[in-house]
Amino acid sequence: MITFFEKIKLKIIKKFKPEQVLIIDNSHLHAKHKSFSPDKFHIKLIIESEMLKKMEKLEAHKAVFSTLKEEMQNQIHALEIEIK
């Protein structure tokens, strides 16, 4: 069975064909925050992608958020994106 993080990685690979995708689960760093929910993740995505690097930063981030729209609504509380 495919894990949640593998699902995210596959979506990013399919859409942007990056050279590399790294997913870091930072949920534990937010456990004491008022809005913390153990059912939602705080994720950092590091994407090495020529396609995304050619875009304006805001447009690249919007494209990633759009690709993960369903996950953002249901399972991701916070998403940090780093494009290399």
PDB file of N, CA and C in Angstrom:
ATOM      1  N   MET A   1       0.844  -1.192   0.000  1.00  0.00           N
ATOM      2  CA  MET A   1       0.000   0.000   0.000  1.00  0.00           C
ATOM      3  C   MET A   1       0.886   1.250   0.000  1.00  0.00           C
ATOM      4  N   ILE A   2       0.481   2.225  -0.737  1.00  0.00           N
ATOM      5  CA  ILE A   2       1.238   3.466  -0.878  1.00  0.00           C
ATOM      6  C   ILE A   2       0.997   4.373   0.328  1.00  0.00           C
ATOM      7  N   THR A   3       2.078   4.938   0.869  1.00  0.00           N
ATOM      8  CA  THR A   3       1.939   5.825   2.026  1.00  0.00           C
ATOM      9  C   THR A   3       1.534   7.226   1.555  1.00  0.00           C
ATOM     10  N   PHE A   4       1.124   8.041   2.500  1.00  0.00           N
ATOM     11  CA  PHE A   4       0.712   9.411   2.204  1.00  0.00           C
ATOM     12  C   PHE A   4       1.864  10.197   1.577  1.00  0.00           C
ATOM     13  N   PHE A   5       3.057  10.059   2.133  1.00  0.00           N
ATOM     14  CA  PHE A   5       4.213  10.790   1.611  1.00  0.00           C
ATOM     15  C   PHE A   5       4.613  10.290   0.220  1.00  0.00           C
ATOM     16  N   GLU A   6       4.483   9.007  -0.025  1.00  0.00           N
ATOM     17  CA  GLU A   6       4.759   8.469  -1.363  1.00  0.00           C
ATOM     18  C   GLU A   6       3.754   9.017  -2.377  1.00  0.00           C
ATOM     19  N   LYS A   7       2.504   9.153  -1.954  1.00  0.00           N
ATOM     20  CA  LYS A   7       1.455   9.720  -2.816  1.00  0.00           C
ATOM     21  C   LYS A   7       1.800  11.156  -3.210  1.00  0.00           C
ATOM     22  N   ILE A   8       2.233  11.945  -2.245  1.00  0.00           N
ATOM     23  CA  ILE A   8       2.637  13.331  -2.514  1.00  0.00           C
ATOM     24  C   ILE A   8       3.808  13.352  -3.495  1.00  0.00           C
ATOM     25  N   LYS A   9       4.802  12.543  -3.213  1.00  0.00           N
ATOM     26  CA  LYS A   9       6.004  12.494  -4.060  1.00  0.00           C
ATOM     27  C   LYS A   9       5.643  12.114  -5.494  1.00  0.00           C
ATOM     28  N   LEU A  10       4.788  11.125  -5.653  1.00  0.00           N
ATOM     29  CA  LEU A  10       4.373  10.689  -6.997  1.00  0.00           C
ATOM     30  C   LEU A  10       3.632  11.795  -7.742  1.00  0.00           C
ATOM     31  N   LYS A  11       2.773  12.533  -7.039  1.00  0.00           N
ATOM     32  CA  LYS A  11       2.052  13.647  -7.676  1.00  0.00           C
ATOM     33  C   LYS A  11       3.024  14.725  -8.161  1.00  0.00           C
ATOM     34  N   ILE A  12       3.998  15.044  -7.324  1.00  0.00           N
ATOM     35  CA  ILE A  12       4.998  16.063  -7.683  1.00  0.00           C
ATOM     36  C   ILE A  12       5.828  15.584  -8.873  1.00  0.00           C
ATOM     37  N   ILE A  13       6.241  14.329  -8.852  1.00  0.00           N
ATOM     38  CA  ILE A  13       7.047  13.769  -9.945  1.00  0.00           C
ATOM     39  C   ILE A  13       6.255  13.772 -11.246  1.00  0.00           C
ATOM     40  N   LYS A  14       5.005  13.336 -11.175  1.00  0.00           N
ATOM     41  CA  LYS A  14       4.170  13.274 -12.379  1.00  0.00           C
ATOM     42  C   LYS A  14       3.956  14.655 -12.993  1.00  0.00           C
ATOM     43  N   LYS A  15       3.724  15.659 -12.148  1.00  0.00           N
ATOM     44  CA  LYS A  15       3.400  17.002 -12.634  1.00  0.00           C
ATOM     45  C   LYS A  15       4.628  17.793 -13.081  1.00  0.00           C
ATOM     46  N   PHE A  16       5.720  17.723 -12.310  1.00  0.00           N
ATOM     47  CA  PHE A  16       6.863  18.609 -12.555  1.00  0.00           C
ATOM     48  C   PHE A  16       8.124  17.920 -13.050  1.00  0.00           C
ATOM     49  N   LYS A  17       8.136  16.596 -13.038  1.00  0.00           N
ATOM     50  CA  LYS A  17       9.295  15.817 -13.480  1.00  0.00           C
ATOM     51  C   LYS A  17      10.610  16.352 -12.893  1.00  0.00           C
ATOM     52  N   PRO A  18      10.668  16.463 -11.572  1.00  0.00           N
ATOM     53  CA  PRO A  18      11.852  17.022 -10.922  1.00  0.00           C
ATOM     54  C   PRO A  18      13.031  16.051 -10.919  1.00  0.00           C
ATOM     55  N   GLU A  19      14.202  16.616 -10.711  1.00  0.00           N
ATOM     56  CA  GLU A  19      15.390  15.790 -10.586  1.00  0.00           C
ATOM     57  C   GLU A  19      15.396  15.090  -9.221  1.00  0.00           C
ATOM     58  N   GLN A  20      14.816  15.770  -8.224  1.00  0.00           N
ATOM     59  CA  GLN A  20      14.782  15.203  -6.882  1.00  0.00           C
ATOM     60  C   GLN A  20      13.637  15.813  -6.080  1.00  0.00           C
ATOM     61  N   VAL A  21      13.037  15.008  -5.204  1.00  0.00           N
ATOM     62  CA  VAL A  21      11.993  15.472  -4.292  1.00  0.00           C
ATOM     63  C   VAL A  21      12.312  14.920  -2.911  1.00  0.00           C
ATOM     64  N   LEU A  22      12.358  15.810  -1.938  1.00  0.00           N
ATOM     65  CA  LEU A  22      12.591  15.400  -0.563  1.00  0.00           C
ATOM     66  C   LEU A  22      11.420  15.902   0.275  1.00  0.00           C
ATOM     67  N   ILE A  23      10.850  15.010   1.067  1.00  0.00           N
ATOM     68  CA  ILE A  23       9.729  15.373   1.935  1.00  0.00           C
ATOM     69  C   ILE A  23      10.180  15.212   3.383  1.00  0.00           C
ATOM     70  N   ILE A  24      10.036  16.283   4.144  1.00  0.00           N
ATOM     71  CA  ILE A  24      10.404  16.263   5.563  1.00  0.00           C
ATOM     72  C   ILE A  24       9.147  16.509   6.385  1.00  0.00           C
ATOM     73  N   ASP A  25       8.871  15.599   7.305  1.00  0.00           N
ATOM     74  CA  ASP A  25       7.712  15.740   8.189  1.00  0.00           C
ATOM     75  C   ASP A  25       8.148  16.531   9.429  1.00  0.00           C
ATOM     76  N   ASN A  26       7.709  17.773   9.509  1.00  0.00           N
ATOM     77  CA  ASN A  26       8.031  18.633  10.646  1.00  0.00           C
ATOM     78  C   ASN A  26       6.887  18.728  11.646  1.00  0.00           C
ATOM     79  N   SER A  27       5.957  17.806  11.596  1.00  0.00           N
ATOM     80  CA  SER A  27       4.777  17.854  12.472  1.00  0.00           C
ATOM     81  C   SER A  27       5.158  17.901  13.944  1.00  0.00           C
ATOM     82  N   HIS A  28       6.170  17.162  14.311  1.00  0.00           N
ATOM     83  CA  HIS A  28       6.581  17.102  15.718  1.00  0.00           C
ATOM     84  C   HIS A  28       7.026  18.474  16.250  1.00  0.00           C
ATOM     85  N   LEU A  29       7.470  19.352  15.365  1.00  0.00           N
ATOM     86  CA  LEU A  29       7.912  20.682  15.786  1.00  0.00           C
ATOM     87  C   LEU A  29       6.739  21.594  16.149  1.00  0.00           C
ATOM     88  N   HIS A  30       5.536  21.181  15.792  1.00  0.00           N
ATOM     89  CA  HIS A  30       4.351  22.015  15.994  1.00  0.00           C
ATOM     90  C   HIS A  30       3.359  21.403  16.981  1.00  0.00           C
ATOM     91  N   ALA A  31       3.749  20.352  17.641  1.00  0.00           N
ATOM     92  CA  ALA A  31       2.836  19.603  18.514  1.00  0.00           C
ATOM     93  C   ALA A  31       2.228  20.441  19.636  1.00  0.00           C
ATOM     94  N   LYS A  32       2.920  21.478  20.087  1.00  0.00           N
ATOM     95  CA  LYS A  32       2.398  22.281  21.193  1.00  0.00           C
ATOM     96  C   LYS A  32       1.635  23.516  20.721  1.00  0.00           C
ATOM     97  N   HIS A  33       1.517  23.687  19.408  1.00  0.00           N
ATOM     98  CA  HIS A  33       0.772  24.841  18.889  1.00  0.00           C
ATOM     99  C   HIS A  33      -0.718  24.673  19.143  1.00  0.00           C
ATOM    100  N   LYS A  34      -1.382  25.784  19.326  1.00  0.00           N
ATOM    101  CA  LYS A  34      -2.812  25.786  19.632  1.00  0.00           C
ATOM    102  C   LYS A  34      -3.634  25.068  18.555  1.00  0.00           C
ATOM    103  N   SER A  35      -3.294  25.285  17.292  1.00  0.00           N
ATOM    104  CA  SER A  35      -4.078  24.703  16.196  1.00  0.00           C
ATOM    105  C   SER A  35      -3.570  23.331  15.753  1.00  0.00           C
ATOM    106  N   PHE A  36      -2.660  22.731  16.520  1.00  0.00           N
ATOM    107  CA  PHE A  36      -2.099  21.436  16.136  1.00  0.00           C
ATOM    108  C   PHE A  36      -3.166  20.345  16.140  1.00  0.00           C
ATOM    109  N   SER A  37      -3.127  19.525  15.113  1.00  0.00           N
ATOM    110  CA  SER A  37      -4.000  18.359  15.032  1.00  0.00           C
ATOM    111  C   SER A  37      -3.138  17.162  14.646  1.00  0.00           C
ATOM    112  N   PRO A  38      -3.210  16.078  15.398  1.00  0.00           N
ATOM    113  CA  PRO A  38      -2.397  14.899  15.054  1.00  0.00           C
ATOM    114  C   PRO A  38      -2.816  14.254  13.725  1.00  0.00           C
ATOM    115  N   ASP A  39      -3.974  14.675  13.204  1.00  0.00           N
ATOM    116  CA  ASP A  39      -4.474  14.127  11.940  1.00  0.00           C
ATOM    117  C   ASP A  39      -3.953  14.890  10.721  1.00  0.00           C
ATOM    118  N   LYS A  40      -3.249  16.002  10.953  1.00  0.00           N
ATOM    119  CA  LYS A  40      -2.752  16.819   9.842  1.00  0.00           C
ATOM    120  C   LYS A  40      -1.245  17.018   9.982  1.00  0.00           C
ATOM    121  N   PHE A  41      -0.593  17.118   8.829  1.00  0.00           N
ATOM    122  CA  PHE A  41       0.860  17.193   8.786  1.00  0.00           C
ATOM    123  C   PHE A  41       1.381  18.608   8.554  1.00  0.00           C
ATOM    124  N   HIS A  42       2.577  18.853   9.057  1.00  0.00           N
ATOM    125  CA  HIS A  42       3.381  20.031   8.743  1.00  0.00           C
ATOM    126  C   HIS A  42       4.542  19.488   7.916  1.00  0.00           C
ATOM    127  N   ILE A  43       4.568  19.824   6.646  1.00  0.00           N
ATOM    128  CA  ILE A  43       5.525  19.222   5.721  1.00  0.00           C
ATOM    129  C   ILE A  43       6.414  20.274   5.078  1.00  0.00           C
ATOM    130  N   LYS A  44       7.677  19.905   4.890  1.00  0.00           N
ATOM    131  CA  LYS A  44       8.596  20.714   4.093  1.00  0.00           C
ATOM    132  C   LYS A  44       8.920  19.906   2.842  1.00  0.00           C
ATOM    133  N   LEU A  45       8.700  20.529   1.695  1.00  0.00           N
ATOM    134  CA  LEU A  45       9.007  19.911   0.402  1.00  0.00           C
ATOM    135  C   LEU A  45      10.226  20.610  -0.184  1.00  0.00           C
ATOM    136  N   ILE A  46      11.235  19.840  -0.509  1.00  0.00           N
ATOM    137  CA  ILE A  46      12.391  20.380  -1.207  1.00  0.00           C
ATOM    138  C   ILE A  46      12.375  19.753  -2.594  1.00  0.00           C
ATOM    139  N   ILE A  47      12.181  20.593  -3.594  1.00  0.00           N
ATOM    140  CA  ILE A  47      12.014  20.106  -4.965  1.00  0.00           C
ATOM    141  C   ILE A  47      13.129  20.683  -5.836  1.00  0.00           C
ATOM    142  N   GLU A  48      13.894  19.798  -6.430  1.00  0.00           N
ATOM    143  CA  GLU A  48      14.910  20.216  -7.401  1.00  0.00           C
ATOM    144  C   GLU A  48      14.283  20.041  -8.780  1.00  0.00           C
ATOM    145  N   SER A  49      13.916  21.171  -9.393  1.00  0.00           N
ATOM    146  CA  SER A  49      13.169  21.113 -10.640  1.00  0.00           C
ATOM    147  C   SER A  49      13.495  22.302 -11.535  1.00  0.00           C
ATOM    148  N   GLU A  50      13.967  22.017 -12.718  1.00  0.00           N
ATOM    149  CA  GLU A  50      14.242  23.077 -13.687  1.00  0.00           C
ATOM    150  C   GLU A  50      12.938  23.765 -14.099  1.00  0.00           C
ATOM    151  N   MET A  51      11.869  22.993 -14.235  1.00  0.00           N
ATOM    152  CA  MET A  51      10.572  23.551 -14.625  1.00  0.00           C
ATOM    153  C   MET A  51      10.105  24.597 -13.611  1.00  0.00           C
ATOM    154  N   LEU A  52      10.192  24.265 -12.329  1.00  0.00           N
ATOM    155  CA  LEU A  52       9.751  25.188 -11.290  1.00  0.00           C
ATOM    156  C   LEU A  52      10.713  26.364 -11.128  1.00  0.00           C
ATOM    157  N   LYS A  53      12.005  26.136 -11.321  1.00  0.00           N
ATOM    158  CA  LYS A  53      12.989  27.214 -11.202  1.00  0.00           C
ATOM    159  C   LYS A  53      12.797  28.286 -12.272  1.00  0.00           C
ATOM    160  N   LYS A  54      12.256  27.896 -13.413  1.00  0.00           N
ATOM    161  CA  LYS A  54      12.025  28.848 -14.507  1.00  0.00           C
ATOM    162  C   LYS A  54      10.822  29.752 -14.230  1.00  0.00           C
ATOM    163  N   MET A  55       9.978  29.352 -13.282  1.00  0.00           N
ATOM    164  CA  MET A  55       8.783  30.126 -12.942  1.00  0.00           C
ATOM    165  C   MET A  55       9.127  31.180 -11.889  1.00  0.00           C
ATOM    166  N   GLU A  56       8.294  32.214 -11.814  1.00  0.00           N
ATOM    167  CA  GLU A  56       8.385  33.150 -10.696  1.00  0.00           C
ATOM    168  C   GLU A  56       8.097  32.342  -9.421  1.00  0.00           C
ATOM    169  N   LYS A  57       8.730  32.721  -8.325  1.00  0.00           N
ATOM    170  CA  LYS A  57       8.583  31.968  -7.078  1.00  0.00           C
ATOM    171  C   LYS A  57       7.115  31.788  -6.681  1.00  0.00           C
ATOM    172  N   LEU A  58       6.335  32.869  -6.732  1.00  0.00           N
ATOM    173  CA  LEU A  58       4.926  32.792  -6.355  1.00  0.00           C
ATOM    174  C   LEU A  58       4.154  31.834  -7.262  1.00  0.00           C
ATOM    175  N   GLU A  59       4.412  31.899  -8.549  1.00  0.00           N
ATOM    176  CA  GLU A  59       3.726  31.010  -9.498  1.00  0.00           C
ATOM    177  C   GLU A  59       4.117  29.549  -9.266  1.00  0.00           C
ATOM    178  N   ALA A  60       5.388  29.306  -8.979  1.00  0.00           N
ATOM    179  CA  ALA A  60       5.853  27.940  -8.711  1.00  0.00           C
ATOM    180  C   ALA A  60       5.173  27.385  -7.461  1.00  0.00           C
ATOM    181  N   HIS A  61       5.083  28.210  -6.417  1.00  0.00           N
ATOM    182  CA  HIS A  61       4.433  27.764  -5.184  1.00  0.00           C
ATOM    183  C   HIS A  61       2.944  27.509  -5.421  1.00  0.00           C
ATOM    184  N   LYS A  62       2.301  28.379  -6.185  1.00  0.00           N
ATOM    185  CA  LYS A  62       0.881  28.174  -6.508  1.00  0.00           C
ATOM    186  C   LYS A  62       0.685  26.860  -7.266  1.00  0.00           C
ATOM    187  N   ALA A  63       1.604  26.555  -8.172  1.00  0.00           N
ATOM    188  CA  ALA A  63       1.501  25.314  -8.947  1.00  0.00           C
ATOM    189  C   ALA A  63       1.617  24.090  -8.041  1.00  0.00           C
ATOM    190  N   VAL A  64       2.521  24.146  -7.069  1.00  0.00           N
ATOM    191  CA  VAL A  64       2.671  23.025  -6.130  1.00  0.00           C
ATOM    192  C   VAL A  64       1.428  22.908  -5.255  1.00  0.00           C
ATOM    193  N   PHE A  65       0.947  24.034  -4.723  1.00  0.00           N
ATOM    194  CA  PHE A  65      -0.262  24.006  -3.897  1.00  0.00           C
ATOM    195  C   PHE A  65      -1.450  23.464  -4.695  1.00  0.00           C
ATOM    196  N   SER A  66      -1.568  23.856  -5.944  1.00  0.00           N
ATOM    197  CA  SER A  66      -2.652  23.385  -6.794  1.00  0.00           C
ATOM    198  C   SER A  66      -2.561  21.877  -7.010  1.00  0.00           C
ATOM    199  N   THR A  67      -1.364  21.380  -7.201  1.00  0.00           N
ATOM    200  CA  THR A  67      -1.145  19.942  -7.409  1.00  0.00           C
ATOM    201  C   THR A  67      -1.534  19.154  -6.168  1.00  0.00           C
ATOM    202  N   LEU A  68      -1.331  19.749  -5.003  1.00  0.00           N
ATOM    203  CA  LEU A  68      -1.638  19.066  -3.736  1.00  0.00           C
ATOM    204  C   LEU A  68      -2.913  19.606  -3.077  1.00  0.00           C
ATOM    205  N   LYS A  69      -3.814  20.142  -3.889  1.00  0.00           N
ATOM    206  CA  LYS A  69      -5.045  20.770  -3.386  1.00  0.00           C
ATOM    207  C   LYS A  69      -5.837  19.850  -2.451  1.00  0.00           C
ATOM    208  N   GLU A  70      -6.072  18.639  -2.874  1.00  0.00           N
ATOM    209  CA  GLU A  70      -6.855  17.692  -2.074  1.00  0.00           C
ATOM    210  C   GLU A  70      -6.174  17.398  -0.738  1.00  0.00           C
ATOM    211  N   GLU A  71      -4.871  17.187  -0.782  1.00  0.00           N
ATOM    212  CA  GLU A  71      -4.117  16.899   0.435  1.00  0.00           C
ATOM    213  C   GLU A  71      -4.112  18.108   1.375  1.00  0.00           C
ATOM    214  N   MET A  72      -4.037  19.312   0.787  1.00  0.00           N
ATOM    215  CA  MET A  72      -4.053  20.537   1.597  1.00  0.00           C
ATOM    216  C   MET A  72      -5.387  20.692   2.331  1.00  0.00           C
ATOM    217  N   GLN A  73      -6.450  20.281   1.712  1.00  0.00           N
ATOM    218  CA  GLN A  73      -7.774  20.402   2.329  1.00  0.00           C
ATOM    219  C   GLN A  73      -7.988  19.380   3.430  1.00  0.00           C
ATOM    220  N   ASN A  74      -7.354  18.207   3.289  1.00  0.00           N
ATOM    221  CA  ASN A  74      -7.675  17.101   4.184  1.00  0.00           C
ATOM    222  C   ASN A  74      -6.571  16.653   5.138  1.00  0.00           C
ATOM    223  N   GLN A  75      -5.309  16.702   4.702  1.00  0.00           N
ATOM    224  CA  GLN A  75      -4.266  16.066   5.512  1.00  0.00           C
ATOM    225  C   GLN A  75      -3.052  16.938   5.813  1.00  0.00           C
ATOM    226  N   ILE A  76      -2.921  18.062   5.147  1.00  0.00           N
ATOM    227  CA  ILE A  76      -1.766  18.933   5.380  1.00  0.00           C
ATOM    228  C   ILE A  76      -2.239  20.229   6.017  1.00  0.00           C
ATOM    229  N   HIS A  77      -1.669  20.537   7.176  1.00  0.00           N
ATOM    230  CA  HIS A  77      -1.990  21.798   7.853  1.00  0.00           C
ATOM    231  C   HIS A  77      -1.066  22.911   7.358  1.00  0.00           C
ATOM    232  N   ALA A  78       0.214  22.583   7.165  1.00  0.00           N
ATOM    233  CA  ALA A  78       1.189  23.577   6.725  1.00  0.00           C
ATOM    234  C   ALA A  78       2.149  22.943   5.729  1.00  0.00           C
ATOM    235  N   LEU A  79       2.472  23.717   4.694  1.00  0.00           N
ATOM    236  CA  LEU A  79       3.372  23.228   3.660  1.00  0.00           C
ATOM    237  C   LEU A  79       4.420  24.290   3.362  1.00  0.00           C
ATOM    238  N   GLU A  80       5.665  23.932   3.604  1.00  0.00           N
ATOM    239  CA  GLU A  80       6.794  24.807   3.287  1.00  0.00           C
ATOM    240  C   GLU A  80       7.433  24.247   2.013  1.00  0.00           C
ATOM    241  N   ILE A  81       7.685  25.126   1.054  1.00  0.00           N
ATOM    242  CA  ILE A  81       8.230  24.697  -0.234  1.00  0.00           C
ATOM    243  C   ILE A  81       9.569  25.373  -0.478  1.00  0.00           C
ATOM    244  N   GLU A  82      10.546  24.557  -0.812  1.00  0.00           N
ATOM    245  CA  GLU A  82      11.861  25.068  -1.205  1.00  0.00           C
ATOM    246  C   GLU A  82      12.161  24.516  -2.590  1.00  0.00           C
ATOM    247  N   ILE A  83      12.415  25.424  -3.522  1.00  0.00           N
ATOM    248  CA  ILE A  83      12.700  25.013  -4.897  1.00  0.00           C
ATOM    249  C   ILE A  83      14.165  25.280  -5.183  1.00  0.00           C
ATOM    250  N   LYS A  84      14.822  24.256  -5.682  1.00  0.00           N
ATOM    251  CA  LYS A  84      16.249  24.369  -6.013  1.00  0.00           C
ATOM    252  C   LYS A  84      16.462  24.207  -7.483  1.00  0.00           C
TER     253      LYS A  84
END
